[in-house]
Amino acid sequence: QVQLVESGGGLVQPGGSLRLSCAASGSIFSVNAMGWYRQAPGKQRELVASITGGSTNYADSVKGRFTISRTNAKNTVSLQMNSLKPEDTAVYFCNANGYLYNGNSYSSWGQGTQVTVSS
């Protein structure tokens, strides 16, 4: 009932930048929080950054390099990634949670977008 569509992944050299975007659609009454997670091969999925209202939270490994932002009116969230490192290589997933018009809560995931940092 809630669909998340991600865009913006790709291949970039170390030190480069990428911007990921995610748009939520469906029977959304409210979006409480949106965030980005990543999963590298052989590793567990981990939180990269999240935003709730005006508050943001970042993994220590990306602080100072990544910036999360949200457009409430459009239910979109973006992740600006600067000074990328090879260890940032992973599939990045968007997540959103909140409530539907029918009163049910939801927590939905996007399909994932590959980010590869390599020379």
Protein backbone atom coordinates (compact mmCIF):
# COMPACT_ATOMS: atom_id res chain seq x y z
CA GLN A 1 0.00 0.00 0.00
CA VAL A 2 3.08 2.21 0.27
CA GLN A 3 5.60 2.18 -2.53
CA LEU A 4 9.09 3.60 -2.32
CA VAL A 5 11.03 4.30 -5.50
CA GLU A 6 14.73 5.05 -5.27
CA SER A 7 17.03 6.63 -7.81
CA GLY A 8 20.52 8.01 -8.10
CA GLY A 9 22.88 5.11 -7.50
CA GLY A 10 25.84 4.32 -9.71
CA LEU A 11 29.60 4.05 -10.02
CA VAL A 12 31.81 6.84 -8.69
CA GLN A 13 35.49 7.25 -8.01
CA PRO A 14 36.79 7.64 -4.45
CA GLY A 15 36.32 11.21 -3.29
CA GLY A 16 33.36 11.71 -5.60
CA SER A 17 29.73 12.48 -4.86
CA LEU A 18 26.34 10.93 -5.48
CA ARG A 19 22.84 11.95 -4.57
CA LEU A 20 20.17 9.35 -3.82
CA SER A 21 16.47 10.16 -3.88
CA CYS A 22 13.42 8.24 -2.70
CA ALA A 23 9.76 9.03 -3.26
CA ALA A 24 6.94 7.46 -1.24
CA SER A 25 3.46 7.02 -2.67
CA GLY A 26 0.24 5.22 -1.81
CA SER A 27 -2.46 5.55 0.83
CA ILE A 28 -0.23 7.61 3.09
CA PHE A 29 -1.81 9.61 5.88
CA SER A 30 1.43 10.48 7.59
CA VAL A 31 5.15 9.80 7.33
CA ASN A 32 6.84 9.74 10.74
CA ALA A 33 10.37 8.98 9.69
CA MET A 34 12.35 8.32 6.55
CA GLY A 35 15.81 6.90 6.31
CA TRP A 36 18.53 5.25 4.30
CA TYR A 37 20.10 1.91 5.07
CA ARG A 38 22.80 0.01 3.25
CA GLN A 39 23.91 -3.58 2.92
CA ALA A 40 27.32 -4.61 1.66
CA PRO A 41 28.01 -8.17 0.46
CA GLY A 42 28.29 -10.53 3.40
CA LYS A 43 27.24 -7.89 5.91
CA GLN A 44 24.05 -7.00 7.73
CA ARG A 45 21.89 -4.10 6.70
CA GLU A 46 22.85 -0.99 8.65
CA LEU A 47 21.37 2.43 9.23
CA VAL A 48 23.12 5.18 7.29
CA ALA A 49 20.93 8.18 8.13
CA SER A 50 17.40 8.95 9.21
CA ILE A 51 15.23 12.01 9.57
CA THR A 52 12.21 12.51 11.83
CA GLY A 53 10.63 15.91 11.78
CA GLY A 54 13.59 18.24 11.95
CA SER A 55 15.91 15.78 13.66
CA THR A 56 18.57 13.81 11.83
CA ASN A 57 20.66 10.83 12.82
CA TYR A 58 23.79 9.53 11.11
CA ALA A 59 26.01 6.51 11.38
CA ASP A 60 29.42 7.49 12.73
CA SER A 61 31.05 6.28 9.52
CA VAL A 62 29.24 8.86 7.39
CA LYS A 63 29.05 11.88 9.70
CA GLY A 64 30.40 14.99 8.00
CA ARG A 65 30.22 13.39 4.56
CA PHE A 66 26.54 12.51 4.04
CA THR A 67 23.51 14.77 4.43
CA ILE A 68 19.91 13.59 4.60
CA SER A 69 17.04 15.89 3.70
CA ARG A 70 13.32 15.53 3.31
CA THR A 71 10.55 17.26 1.39
CA ASN A 72 7.42 16.70 3.46
CA ALA A 73 4.94 17.89 0.87
CA LYS A 74 6.18 15.34 -1.63
CA ASN A 75 7.07 12.55 0.82
CA THR A 76 10.57 12.40 -0.58
CA VAL A 77 13.92 11.92 1.08
CA SER A 78 17.36 12.49 -0.37
CA LEU A 79 20.86 11.51 0.66
CA GLN A 80 23.73 13.67 -0.53
CA MET A 81 26.91 11.62 -0.33
CA ASN A 82 30.24 13.43 -0.59
CA SER A 83 33.84 12.29 -0.18
CA LEU A 84 32.80 8.75 -0.99
CA LYS A 85 35.07 5.89 0.03
CA PRO A 86 35.33 2.33 -1.28
CA GLU A 87 33.84 1.12 1.99
CA ASP A 88 30.64 3.01 1.15
CA THR A 89 30.03 0.48 -1.61
CA ALA A 90 26.70 -1.24 -0.92
CA VAL A 91 23.10 -1.52 -1.94
CA TYR A 92 21.27 1.44 -0.42
CA PHE A 93 17.66 1.04 0.69
CA CYS A 94 15.11 3.71 1.50
CA ASN A 95 12.70 3.19 4.40
CA ALA A 96 9.61 5.09 5.48
CA ASN A 97 7.18 4.50 8.33
CA GLY A 98 4.00 6.14 9.48
CA TYR A 99 0.25 5.65 9.18
CA LEU A 100 -2.17 4.89 6.37
CA TYR A 101 -5.56 6.50 5.88
CA ASN A 102 -7.20 3.37 7.30
CA GLY A 103 -5.36 3.88 10.58
CA ASN A 104 -2.88 1.05 10.11
CA SER A 105 0.81 1.65 10.57
CA TYR A 106 3.34 0.83 7.89
CA SER A 107 7.06 0.44 7.47
CA SER A 108 8.04 0.10 3.83
CA TRP A 109 11.26 -0.49 1.93
CA GLY A 110 12.43 0.48 -1.50
CA GLN A 111 13.91 -2.00 -3.93
CA GLY A 112 17.46 -0.81 -3.34
CA THR A 113 19.97 1.04 -5.49
CA GLN A 114 23.59 0.02 -5.99
CA VAL A 115 26.36 2.44 -5.05
CA THR A 116 29.86 1.42 -6.09
CA VAL A 117 32.90 3.47 -5.15
CA SER A 118 35.92 2.35 -7.13
CA SER A 119 38.74 3.71 -9.21
